[in-house]
PDB file of all heavy atoms in Angstrom:
ATOM      1  N   GLN A   1      -9.339   5.943   0.927  1.00  0.00           N
ATOM      2  CA  GLN A   1     -10.241   6.801   0.160  1.00  0.00           C
ATOM      3  C   GLN A   1     -10.413   8.115   0.880  1.00  0.00           C
ATOM      4  O   GLN A   1     -10.905   8.155   2.014  1.00  0.00           O
ATOM      5  CB  GLN A   1     -11.590   6.125  -0.055  1.00  0.00           C
ATOM      6  CG  GLN A   1     -12.497   6.878  -0.999  1.00  0.00           C
ATOM      7  CD  GLN A   1     -13.693   6.060  -1.449  1.00  0.00           C
ATOM      8  OE1 GLN A   1     -14.046   5.057  -0.826  1.00  0.00           O
ATOM      9  NE2 GLN A   1     -14.302   6.463  -2.551  1.00  0.00           N
ATOM     10  N   ALA A   2     -10.008   9.170   0.219  1.00  0.00           N
ATOM     11  CA  ALA A   2     -10.172  10.514   0.745  1.00  0.00           C
ATOM     12  C   ALA A   2     -11.500  11.088   0.252  1.00  0.00           C
ATOM     13  O   ALA A   2     -12.025  10.648  -0.782  1.00  0.00           O
ATOM     14  CB  ALA A   2      -9.010  11.393   0.296  1.00  0.00           C
ATOM     15  N   PRO A   3     -12.045  12.073   0.959  1.00  0.00           N
ATOM     16  CA  PRO A   3     -13.321  12.664   0.542  1.00  0.00           C
ATOM     17  C   PRO A   3     -13.270  13.173  -0.887  1.00  0.00           C
ATOM     18  O   PRO A   3     -12.340  13.888  -1.270  1.00  0.00           O
ATOM     19  CB  PRO A   3     -13.514  13.810   1.538  1.00  0.00           C
ATOM     20  CG  PRO A   3     -12.750  13.401   2.742  1.00  0.00           C
ATOM     21  CD  PRO A   3     -11.548  12.658   2.212  1.00  0.00           C
ATOM     22  N   GLY A   4     -14.245  12.783  -1.679  1.00  0.00           N
ATOM     23  CA  GLY A   4     -14.333  13.249  -3.049  1.00  0.00           C
ATOM     24  C   GLY A   4     -13.381  12.584  -4.015  1.00  0.00           C
ATOM     25  O   GLY A   4     -13.308  12.966  -5.185  1.00  0.00           O
ATOM     26  N   LYS A   5     -12.660  11.580  -3.525  1.00  0.00           N
ATOM     27  CA  LYS A   5     -11.697  10.890  -4.382  1.00  0.00           C
ATOM     28  C   LYS A   5     -12.021   9.405  -4.465  1.00  0.00           C
ATOM     29  O   LYS A   5     -12.732   8.862  -3.631  1.00  0.00           O
ATOM     30  CB  LYS A   5     -10.274  11.091  -3.863  1.00  0.00           C
ATOM     31  CG  LYS A   5      -9.795  12.525  -3.909  1.00  0.00           C
ATOM     32  CD  LYS A   5      -8.333  12.627  -3.538  1.00  0.00           C
ATOM     33  CE  LYS A   5      -7.826  14.046  -3.663  1.00  0.00           C
ATOM     34  NZ  LYS A   5      -6.373  14.139  -3.330  1.00  0.00           N
ATOM     35  N   GLU A   6     -11.460   8.763  -5.466  1.00  0.00           N
ATOM     36  CA  GLU A   6     -11.644   7.331  -5.619  1.00  0.00           C
ATOM     37  C   GLU A   6     -10.742   6.571  -4.643  1.00  0.00           C
ATOM     38  O   GLU A   6      -9.717   7.088  -4.190  1.00  0.00           O
ATOM     39  CB  GLU A   6     -11.329   6.909  -7.057  1.00  0.00           C
ATOM     40  CG  GLU A   6     -12.300   7.456  -8.080  1.00  0.00           C
ATOM     41  CD  GLU A   6     -12.053   6.908  -9.463  1.00  0.00           C
ATOM     42  OE1 GLU A   6     -11.033   6.215  -9.660  1.00  0.00           O
ATOM     43  OE2 GLU A   6     -12.873   7.175 -10.355  1.00  0.00           O
ATOM     44  N   ARG A   7     -11.154   5.342  -4.351  1.00  0.00           N
ATOM     45  CA  ARG A   7     -10.327   4.492  -3.501  1.00  0.00           C
ATOM     46  C   ARG A   7      -9.014   4.199  -4.219  1.00  0.00           C
ATOM     47  O   ARG A   7      -9.000   3.894  -5.420  1.00  0.00           O
ATOM     48  CB  ARG A   7     -11.069   3.194  -3.194  1.00  0.00           C
ATOM     49  CG  ARG A   7     -10.403   2.335  -2.153  1.00  0.00           C
ATOM     50  CD  ARG A   7     -11.292   1.177  -1.740  1.00  0.00           C
ATOM     51  NE  ARG A   7     -12.536   1.645  -1.138  1.00  0.00           N
ATOM     52  CZ  ARG A   7     -13.402   0.844  -0.528  1.00  0.00           C
ATOM     53  NH1 ARG A   7     -13.157  -0.465  -0.453  1.00  0.00           N
ATOM     54  NH2 ARG A   7     -14.502   1.333  -0.008  1.00  0.00           N
ATOM     55  N   GLU A   8      -7.919   4.277  -3.485  1.00  0.00           N
ATOM     56  CA  GLU A   8      -6.621   4.052  -4.094  1.00  0.00           C
ATOM     57  C   GLU A   8      -5.809   3.028  -3.312  1.00  0.00           C
ATOM     58  O   GLU A   8      -5.944   2.895  -2.098  1.00  0.00           O
ATOM     59  CB  GLU A   8      -5.825   5.364  -4.202  1.00  0.00           C
ATOM     60  CG  GLU A   8      -5.425   5.977  -2.890  1.00  0.00           C
ATOM     61  CD  GLU A   8      -4.490   7.176  -3.066  1.00  0.00           C
ATOM     62  OE1 GLU A   8      -4.130   7.512  -4.209  1.00  0.00           O
ATOM     63  OE2 GLU A   8      -4.106   7.754  -2.031  1.00  0.00           O
ATOM     64  N   PHE A   9      -4.957   2.331  -4.031  1.00  0.00           N
ATOM     65  CA  PHE A   9      -4.087   1.325  -3.465  1.00  0.00           C
ATOM     66  C   PHE A   9      -3.009   1.977  -2.594  1.00  0.00           C
ATOM     67  O   PHE A   9      -2.467   3.031  -2.944  1.00  0.00           O
ATOM     68  CB  PHE A   9      -3.440   0.520  -4.592  1.00  0.00           C
ATOM     69  CG  PHE A   9      -2.310  -0.357  -4.153  1.00  0.00           C
ATOM     70  CD1 PHE A   9      -2.561  -1.533  -3.483  1.00  0.00           C
ATOM     71  CD2 PHE A   9      -0.998   0.014  -4.398  1.00  0.00           C
ATOM     72  CE1 PHE A   9      -1.519  -2.351  -3.072  1.00  0.00           C
ATOM     73  CE2 PHE A   9       0.052  -0.779  -3.996  1.00  0.00           C
ATOM     74  CZ  PHE A   9      -0.214  -1.962  -3.331  1.00  0.00           C
ATOM     75  N   VAL A  10      -2.696   1.322  -1.469  1.00  0.00           N
ATOM     76  CA  VAL A  10      -1.636   1.805  -0.588  1.00  0.00           C
ATOM     77  C   VAL A  10      -0.490   0.788  -0.512  1.00  0.00           C
ATOM     78  O   VAL A  10       0.655   1.117  -0.779  1.00  0.00           O
ATOM     79  CB  VAL A  10      -2.178   2.088   0.824  1.00  0.00           C
ATOM     80  CG1 VAL A  10      -1.048   2.480   1.770  1.00  0.00           C
ATOM     81  CG2 VAL A  10      -3.238   3.184   0.782  1.00  0.00           C
ATOM     82  N   ALA A  11      -0.829  -0.450  -0.114  1.00  0.00           N
ATOM     83  CA  ALA A  11       0.214  -1.463   0.076  1.00  0.00           C
ATOM     84  C   ALA A  11      -0.417  -2.841  -0.001  1.00  0.00           C
ATOM     85  O   ALA A  11      -1.605  -3.006   0.275  1.00  0.00           O
ATOM     86  CB  ALA A  11       0.906  -1.278   1.414  1.00  0.00           C
ATOM     87  N   ALA A  12       0.397  -3.831  -0.371  1.00  0.00           N
ATOM     88  CA  ALA A  12      -0.083  -5.206  -0.466  1.00  0.00           C
ATOM     89  C   ALA A  12       1.008  -6.163  -0.025  1.00  0.00           C
ATOM     90  O   ALA A  12       2.201  -5.865  -0.146  1.00  0.00           O
ATOM     91  CB  ALA A  12      -0.516  -5.530  -1.893  1.00  0.00           C
ATOM     92  N   ILE A  13       0.572  -7.314   0.471  1.00  0.00           N
ATOM     93  CA  ILE A  13       1.513  -8.317   0.962  1.00  0.00           C
ATOM     94  C   ILE A  13       0.997  -9.699   0.610  1.00  0.00           C
ATOM     95  O   ILE A  13      -0.203  -9.971   0.699  1.00  0.00           O
ATOM     96  CB  ILE A  13       1.719  -8.153   2.485  1.00  0.00           C
ATOM     97  CG1 ILE A  13       2.843  -9.044   3.008  1.00  0.00           C
ATOM     98  CG2 ILE A  13       0.418  -8.395   3.249  1.00  0.00           C
ATOM     99  CD1 ILE A  13       3.277  -8.687   4.431  1.00  0.00           C
ATOM    100  N   SER A  14       1.902 -10.573   0.197  1.00  0.00           N
ATOM    101  CA  SER A  14       1.518 -11.939  -0.136  1.00  0.00           C
ATOM    102  C   SER A  14       1.220 -12.734   1.126  1.00  0.00           C
ATOM    103  O   SER A  14       1.500 -12.279   2.238  1.00  0.00           O
ATOM    104  CB  SER A  14       2.632 -12.610  -0.932  1.00  0.00           C
ATOM    105  OG  SER A  14       3.813 -12.691  -0.139  1.00  0.00           O
ATOM    106  N   TRP A  15       0.692 -13.950   0.963  1.00  0.00           N
ATOM    107  CA  TRP A  15       0.288 -14.729   2.122  1.00  0.00           C
ATOM    108  C   TRP A  15       1.459 -15.024   3.048  1.00  0.00           C
ATOM    109  O   TRP A  15       1.304 -15.070   4.268  1.00  0.00           O
ATOM    110  CB  TRP A  15      -0.394 -16.030   1.693  1.00  0.00           C
ATOM    111  CG  TRP A  15       0.538 -17.037   1.082  1.00  0.00           C
ATOM    112  CD1 TRP A  15       0.802 -17.217  -0.235  1.00  0.00           C
ATOM    113  CD2 TRP A  15       1.324 -18.013   1.787  1.00  0.00           C
ATOM    114  NE1 TRP A  15       1.713 -18.223  -0.414  1.00  0.00           N
ATOM    115  CE2 TRP A  15       2.049 -18.741   0.810  1.00  0.00           C
ATOM    116  CE3 TRP A  15       1.491 -18.345   3.134  1.00  0.00           C
ATOM    117  CZ2 TRP A  15       2.912 -19.764   1.148  1.00  0.00           C
ATOM    118  CZ3 TRP A  15       2.351 -19.374   3.462  1.00  0.00           C
ATOM    119  CH2 TRP A  15       3.059 -20.074   2.476  1.00  0.00           C
ATOM    120  N   SER A  16       2.630 -15.200   2.485  1.00  0.00           N
ATOM    121  CA  SER A  16       3.801 -15.537   3.294  1.00  0.00           C
ATOM    122  C   SER A  16       4.514 -14.308   3.840  1.00  0.00           C
ATOM    123  O   SER A  16       5.377 -14.424   4.714  1.00  0.00           O
ATOM    124  CB  SER A  16       4.796 -16.328   2.444  1.00  0.00           C
ATOM    125  OG  SER A  16       5.339 -15.500   1.430  1.00  0.00           O
ATOM    126  N   GLY A  17       4.182 -13.145   3.301  1.00  0.00           N
ATOM    127  CA  GLY A  17       4.910 -11.931   3.666  1.00  0.00           C
ATOM    128  C   GLY A  17       6.173 -11.737   2.850  1.00  0.00           C
ATOM    129  O   GLY A  17       6.871 -10.745   3.021  1.00  0.00           O
ATOM    130  N   GLY A  18       6.432 -12.666   1.941  1.00  0.00           N
ATOM    131  CA  GLY A  18       7.665 -12.592   1.186  1.00  0.00           C
ATOM    132  C   GLY A  18       7.645 -11.641   0.008  1.00  0.00           C
ATOM    133  O   GLY A  18       8.691 -11.279  -0.526  1.00  0.00           O
ATOM    134  N   ARG A  19       6.452 -11.247  -0.393  1.00  0.00           N
ATOM    135  CA  ARG A  19       6.321 -10.302  -1.506  1.00  0.00           C
ATOM    136  C   ARG A  19       5.477  -9.133  -1.047  1.00  0.00           C
ATOM    137  O   ARG A  19       4.369  -9.322  -0.513  1.00  0.00           O
ATOM    138  CB  ARG A  19       5.700 -10.977  -2.721  1.00  0.00           C
ATOM    139  CG  ARG A  19       6.511 -12.154  -3.254  1.00  0.00           C
ATOM    140  CD  ARG A  19       5.946 -12.657  -4.556  1.00  0.00           C
ATOM    141  NE  ARG A  19       6.134 -11.668  -5.631  1.00  0.00           N
ATOM    142  CZ  ARG A  19       5.618 -11.789  -6.841  1.00  0.00           C
ATOM    143  NH1 ARG A  19       4.870 -12.843  -7.145  1.00  0.00           N
ATOM    144  NH2 ARG A  19       5.828 -10.884  -7.752  1.00  0.00           N
ATOM    145  N   ILE A  20       6.001  -7.933  -1.263  1.00  0.00           N
ATOM    146  CA  ILE A  20       5.356  -6.711  -0.792  1.00  0.00           C
ATOM    147  C   ILE A  20       5.409  -5.673  -1.903  1.00  0.00           C
ATOM    148  O   ILE A  20       6.382  -5.611  -2.670  1.00  0.00           O
ATOM    149  CB  ILE A  20       6.059  -6.192   0.482  1.00  0.00           C
ATOM    150  CG1 ILE A  20       5.747  -7.113   1.669  1.00  0.00           C
ATOM    151  CG2 ILE A  20       5.650  -4.763   0.793  1.00  0.00           C
ATOM    152  CD1 ILE A  20       6.509  -6.776   2.930  1.00  0.00           C
ATOM    153  N   HIS A  21       4.388  -4.852  -1.947  1.00  0.00           N
ATOM    154  CA  HIS A  21       4.331  -3.790  -2.964  1.00  0.00           C
ATOM    155  C   HIS A  21       3.690  -2.548  -2.350  1.00  0.00           C
ATOM    156  O   HIS A  21       2.738  -2.668  -1.565  1.00  0.00           O
ATOM    157  CB  HIS A  21       3.512  -4.270  -4.158  1.00  0.00           C
ATOM    158  CG  HIS A  21       3.481  -3.310  -5.294  1.00  0.00           C
ATOM    159  ND1 HIS A  21       4.604  -2.917  -5.968  1.00  0.00           N
ATOM    160  CD2 HIS A  21       2.441  -2.658  -5.870  1.00  0.00           C
ATOM    161  CE1 HIS A  21       4.265  -2.069  -6.931  1.00  0.00           C
ATOM    162  NE2 HIS A  21       2.962  -1.897  -6.880  1.00  0.00           N
ATOM    163  N   TYR A  22       4.210  -1.384  -2.698  1.00  0.00           N
ATOM    164  CA  TYR A  22       3.698  -0.115  -2.183  1.00  0.00           C
ATOM    165  C   TYR A  22       3.351   0.832  -3.313  1.00  0.00           C
ATOM    166  O   TYR A  22       3.975   0.811  -4.383  1.00  0.00           O
ATOM    167  CB  TYR A  22       4.749   0.572  -1.306  1.00  0.00           C
ATOM    168  CG  TYR A  22       5.131  -0.184  -0.068  1.00  0.00           C
ATOM    169  CD1 TYR A  22       6.298  -0.929  -0.027  1.00  0.00           C
ATOM    170  CD2 TYR A  22       4.325  -0.135   1.072  1.00  0.00           C
ATOM    171  CE1 TYR A  22       6.656  -1.636   1.108  1.00  0.00           C
ATOM    172  CE2 TYR A  22       4.683  -0.834   2.220  1.00  0.00           C
ATOM    173  CZ  TYR A  22       5.835  -1.580   2.229  1.00  0.00           C
ATOM    174  OH  TYR A  22       6.179  -2.267   3.364  1.00  0.00           O
ATOM    175  N   ALA A  23       2.394   1.682  -3.055  1.00  0.00           N
ATOM    176  CA  ALA A  23       2.145   2.802  -3.939  1.00  0.00           C
ATOM    177  C   ALA A  23       3.323   3.766  -3.832  1.00  0.00           C
ATOM    178  O   ALA A  23       3.933   3.907  -2.764  1.00  0.00           O
ATOM    179  CB  ALA A  23       0.850   3.514  -3.556  1.00  0.00           C
ATOM    180  N   ASP A  24       3.639   4.437  -4.915  1.00  0.00           N
ATOM    181  CA  ASP A  24       4.770   5.363  -4.910  1.00  0.00           C
ATOM    182  C   ASP A  24       4.599   6.453  -3.867  1.00  0.00           C
ATOM    183  O   ASP A  24       5.575   6.923  -3.276  1.00  0.00           O
ATOM    184  CB  ASP A  24       4.930   5.998  -6.290  1.00  0.00           C
ATOM    185  CG  ASP A  24       5.479   5.019  -7.322  1.00  0.00           C
ATOM    186  OD1 ASP A  24       6.030   3.974  -6.929  1.00  0.00           O
ATOM    187  OD2 ASP A  24       5.351   5.304  -8.528  1.00  0.00           O
ATOM    188  N   SER A  25       3.365   6.846  -3.613  1.00  0.00           N
ATOM    189  CA  SER A  25       3.105   7.952  -2.692  1.00  0.00           C
ATOM    190  C   SER A  25       3.444   7.629  -1.244  1.00  0.00           C
ATOM    191  O   SER A  25       3.594   8.537  -0.426  1.00  0.00           O
ATOM    192  CB  SER A  25       1.634   8.372  -2.790  1.00  0.00           C
ATOM    193  OG  SER A  25       0.787   7.277  -2.474  1.00  0.00           O
ATOM    194  N   VAL A  26       3.556   6.348  -0.908  1.00  0.00           N
ATOM    195  CA  VAL A  26       3.831   5.966   0.483  1.00  0.00           C
ATOM    196  C   VAL A  26       5.154   5.229   0.636  1.00  0.00           C
ATOM    197  O   VAL A  26       5.567   4.931   1.758  1.00  0.00           O
ATOM    198  CB  VAL A  26       2.694   5.107   1.060  1.00  0.00           C
ATOM    199  CG1 VAL A  26       1.346   5.814   0.904  1.00  0.00           C
ATOM    200  CG2 VAL A  26       2.650   3.723   0.433  1.00  0.00           C
ATOM    201  N   LYS A  27       5.804   4.936  -0.463  1.00  0.00           N
ATOM    202  CA  LYS A  27       7.044   4.164  -0.415  1.00  0.00           C
ATOM    203  C   LYS A  27       8.085   4.886   0.431  1.00  0.00           C
ATOM    204  O   LYS A  27       8.294   6.094   0.291  1.00  0.00           O
ATOM    205  CB  LYS A  27       7.561   3.939  -1.840  1.00  0.00           C
ATOM    206  CG  LYS A  27       8.521   2.787  -2.010  1.00  0.00           C
ATOM    207  CD  LYS A  27       8.787   2.553  -3.487  1.00  0.00           C
ATOM    208  CE  LYS A  27       7.568   2.064  -4.231  1.00  0.00           C
ATOM    209  NZ  LYS A  27       7.852   1.744  -5.650  1.00  0.00           N
ATOM    210  N   GLY A  28       8.713   4.152   1.332  1.00  0.00           N
ATOM    211  CA  GLY A  28       9.710   4.729   2.218  1.00  0.00           C
ATOM    212  C   GLY A  28       9.145   5.301   3.496  1.00  0.00           C
ATOM    213  O   GLY A  28       9.899   5.629   4.419  1.00  0.00           O
ATOM    214  N   ARG A  29       7.820   5.440   3.561  1.00  0.00           N
ATOM    215  CA  ARG A  29       7.170   5.988   4.768  1.00  0.00           C
ATOM    216  C   ARG A  29       6.284   4.945   5.451  1.00  0.00           C
ATOM    217  O   ARG A  29       6.160   4.947   6.674  1.00  0.00           O
ATOM    218  CB  ARG A  29       6.335   7.202   4.405  1.00  0.00           C
ATOM    219  CG  ARG A  29       7.125   8.338   3.809  1.00  0.00           C
ATOM    220  CD  ARG A  29       6.251   9.598   3.657  1.00  0.00           C
ATOM    221  NE  ARG A  29       5.116   9.396   2.767  1.00  0.00           N
ATOM    222  CZ  ARG A  29       3.840   9.566   3.131  1.00  0.00           C
ATOM    223  NH1 ARG A  29       3.553   9.949   4.363  1.00  0.00           N
ATOM    224  NH2 ARG A  29       2.856   9.373   2.261  1.00  0.00           N
ATOM    225  N   PHE A  30       5.640   4.100   4.667  1.00  0.00           N
ATOM    226  CA  PHE A  30       4.717   3.093   5.197  1.00  0.00           C
ATOM    227  C   PHE A  30       5.356   1.712   5.099  1.00  0.00           C
ATOM    228  O   PHE A  30       6.109   1.425   4.163  1.00  0.00           O
ATOM    229  CB  PHE A  30       3.415   3.086   4.410  1.00  0.00           C
ATOM    230  CG  PHE A  30       2.542   4.292   4.597  1.00  0.00           C
ATOM    231  CD1 PHE A  30       2.985   5.433   5.251  1.00  0.00           C
ATOM    232  CD2 PHE A  30       1.235   4.292   4.118  1.00  0.00           C
ATOM    233  CE1 PHE A  30       2.170   6.548   5.421  1.00  0.00           C
ATOM    234  CE2 PHE A  30       0.403   5.380   4.279  1.00  0.00           C
ATOM    235  CZ  PHE A  30       0.885   6.519   4.920  1.00  0.00           C
ATOM    236  N   THR A  31       4.993   0.851   6.044  1.00  0.00           N
ATOM    237  CA  THR A  31       5.462  -0.531   6.038  1.00  0.00           C
ATOM    238  C   THR A  31       4.293  -1.470   6.313  1.00  0.00           C
ATOM    239  O   THR A  31       3.617  -1.319   7.345  1.00  0.00           O
ATOM    240  CB  THR A  31       6.551  -0.761   7.089  1.00  0.00           C
ATOM    241  OG1 THR A  31       7.650   0.133   6.846  1.00  0.00           O
ATOM    242  CG2 THR A  31       7.058  -2.192   7.034  1.00  0.00           C
ATOM    243  N   ILE A  32       4.072  -2.401   5.418  1.00  0.00           N
ATOM    244  CA  ILE A  32       3.041  -3.416   5.622  1.00  0.00           C
ATOM    245  C   ILE A  32       3.712  -4.683   6.148  1.00  0.00           C
ATOM    246  O   ILE A  32       4.818  -5.035   5.740  1.00  0.00           O
ATOM    247  CB  ILE A  32       2.260  -3.699   4.321  1.00  0.00           C
ATOM    248  CG1 ILE A  32       1.059  -4.607   4.589  1.00  0.00           C
ATOM    249  CG2 ILE A  32       3.171  -4.274   3.242  1.00  0.00           C
ATOM    250  CD1 ILE A  32       0.126  -4.759   3.384  1.00  0.00           C
ATOM    251  N   SER A  33       3.046  -5.350   7.075  1.00  0.00           N
ATOM    252  CA  SER A  33       3.550  -6.601   7.623  1.00  0.00           C
ATOM    253  C   SER A  33       2.363  -7.448   8.059  1.00  0.00           C
ATOM    254  O   SER A  33       1.227  -6.963   8.093  1.00  0.00           O
ATOM    255  CB  SER A  33       4.495  -6.335   8.799  1.00  0.00           C
ATOM    256  OG  SER A  33       3.818  -5.683   9.852  1.00  0.00           O
TER     257      SER A  33
END
């Protein structure tokens, strides 16, 4: 959440780590593990 903006999704990971999803704005730059 940036100042003056709504909270936004960045990345998510399933319990096993086998399924991952990123927001388009961070894809290729951020890695969730």
